[in-house]
Amino acid sequence: MSEEENHESGSEGAGLALDEARPKLRKPPLYKVVILNDDYTPMEFVIEVLKRFFGLSHDKATSIMLHVHTRGRGVAGVYTYEIAETKVILVNECAREHEHPLQCTLEESEN
């Protein structure tokens, strides 16, 4: 229907104003992927895992690995649940394939 036809038929401004209904969306909860320290996994392996599965630079991976080594645990990244869960599974499987006891877990982020 053209604008002229719309005006002629009187359907425009017939008393109903339709606003687009927009549902209020909230951001999904985020989860931290946490690497746990152990006394047997080589530091270089942890660095390679961080680079491979989290896309970190060598320097950033080294920094996180040292944090894990000195403090017992460190956050490799923060993601939605499905992505965090997948990364935990991939890291743990890779560690087992290479016969390392490295453990990776996830926990809900406060943010």
Protein backbone atom coordinates (compact mmCIF):
# COMPACT_ATOMS: atom_id res chain seq x y z
CA MET A 1 0.00 0.00 0.00
CA SER A 2 1.46 3.38 -0.93
CA GLU A 3 1.48 6.34 1.43
CA GLU A 4 -1.31 8.00 -0.58
CA GLU A 5 -3.53 4.94 -0.25
CA ASN A 6 -2.68 4.76 3.43
CA HIS A 7 -3.86 8.35 3.99
CA GLU A 8 -7.00 7.83 1.95
CA SER A 9 -8.07 4.72 3.81
CA GLY A 10 -7.52 6.38 7.16
CA SER A 11 -5.54 3.48 8.55
CA GLU A 12 -2.62 5.67 9.53
CA GLY A 13 -3.13 7.23 12.94
CA ALA A 14 -6.20 5.14 13.68
CA GLY A 15 -5.51 5.45 17.39
CA LEU A 16 -3.15 2.51 17.90
CA ALA A 17 0.51 3.15 18.35
CA LEU A 18 2.53 -0.01 18.07
CA ASP A 19 5.94 0.17 19.63
CA GLU A 20 8.32 -2.63 18.96
CA ALA A 21 8.30 -4.90 21.96
CA ARG A 22 11.86 -5.50 23.03
CA PRO A 23 12.43 -8.08 25.72
CA LYS A 24 14.92 -7.15 28.38
CA LEU A 25 17.98 -9.26 27.76
CA ARG A 26 20.57 -9.93 30.37
CA LYS A 27 24.07 -11.11 29.74
CA PRO A 28 24.73 -14.80 30.38
CA PRO A 29 26.74 -15.65 33.49
CA LEU A 30 30.45 -15.98 32.94
CA TYR A 31 32.76 -18.73 34.16
CA LYS A 32 36.47 -18.68 34.94
CA VAL A 33 38.64 -21.44 33.53
CA VAL A 34 41.13 -22.17 36.31
CA ILE A 35 44.46 -23.99 35.93
CA LEU A 36 45.64 -25.77 39.09
CA ASN A 37 49.27 -26.22 40.06
CA ASP A 38 50.90 -29.60 40.53
CA ASP A 39 54.47 -30.69 41.18
CA TYR A 40 54.90 -32.79 38.04
CA THR A 41 53.58 -31.03 34.91
CA PRO A 42 56.43 -29.24 33.10
CA MET A 43 56.11 -25.46 32.97
CA GLU A 44 56.65 -25.46 29.22
CA PHE A 45 53.68 -27.81 28.76
CA VAL A 46 51.43 -25.42 30.70
CA ILE A 47 52.63 -22.54 28.51
CA GLU A 48 51.85 -24.53 25.36
CA VAL A 49 48.37 -25.43 26.67
CA LEU A 50 47.64 -21.78 27.42
CA LYS A 51 48.78 -20.73 23.97
CA ARG A 52 46.96 -23.54 22.15
CA PHE A 53 43.59 -23.55 23.91
CA PHE A 54 43.32 -19.93 25.03
CA GLY A 55 45.05 -18.13 22.18
CA LEU A 56 47.50 -16.37 24.47
CA SER A 57 50.82 -14.89 23.46
CA HIS A 58 53.95 -16.59 24.75
CA ASP A 59 54.55 -13.75 27.24
CA LYS A 60 50.98 -13.79 28.59
CA ALA A 61 50.99 -17.61 28.83
CA THR A 62 54.30 -17.48 30.72
CA SER A 63 52.89 -14.88 33.11
CA ILE A 64 49.82 -17.01 33.87
CA MET A 65 51.94 -20.16 34.24
CA LEU A 66 54.17 -18.39 36.79
CA HIS A 67 51.08 -17.18 38.66
CA VAL A 68 49.79 -20.76 38.79
CA HIS A 69 53.21 -22.01 39.89
CA THR A 70 53.61 -19.48 42.71
CA ARG A 71 50.00 -19.17 43.90
CA GLY A 72 48.64 -22.65 43.24
CA ARG A 73 46.03 -21.62 40.69
CA GLY A 74 45.39 -19.10 37.96
CA VAL A 75 42.66 -17.96 35.60
CA ALA A 76 43.31 -18.81 31.97
CA GLY A 77 40.21 -17.01 30.71
CA VAL A 78 36.58 -16.08 31.36
CA TYR A 79 33.82 -17.39 29.07
CA THR A 80 30.18 -18.37 28.88
CA TYR A 81 29.44 -21.76 30.44
CA GLU A 82 29.52 -23.85 27.26
CA ILE A 83 32.80 -22.40 26.05
CA ALA A 84 34.42 -22.66 29.49
CA GLU A 85 33.26 -26.26 29.85
CA THR A 86 34.66 -27.16 26.43
CA LYS A 87 38.04 -25.59 27.22
CA VAL A 88 38.24 -27.48 30.54
CA ILE A 89 37.53 -30.77 28.78
CA LEU A 90 40.08 -30.08 26.03
CA VAL A 91 42.83 -29.09 28.48
CA ASN A 92 42.22 -32.09 30.73
CA GLU A 93 42.16 -34.50 27.77
CA CYS A 94 45.38 -33.02 26.37
CA ALA A 95 47.09 -33.35 29.76
CA ARG A 96 46.03 -37.01 30.02
CA GLU A 97 47.19 -37.75 26.46
CA HIS A 98 50.62 -36.39 27.40
CA GLU A 99 50.52 -38.22 30.74
CA HIS A 100 50.60 -35.07 32.87
CA PRO A 101 48.49 -34.59 36.01
CA LEU A 102 47.59 -30.99 35.08
CA GLN A 103 44.05 -30.14 36.16
CA CYS A 104 41.74 -27.50 34.81
CA THR A 105 38.37 -26.56 36.36
CA LEU A 106 35.72 -23.92 35.97
CA GLU A 107 33.98 -21.73 38.50
CA GLU A 108 31.35 -19.03 38.20
CA SER A 109 32.74 -15.54 37.87
CA GLU A 110 31.55 -12.81 40.23
CA ASN A 111 31.04 -10.36 37.34
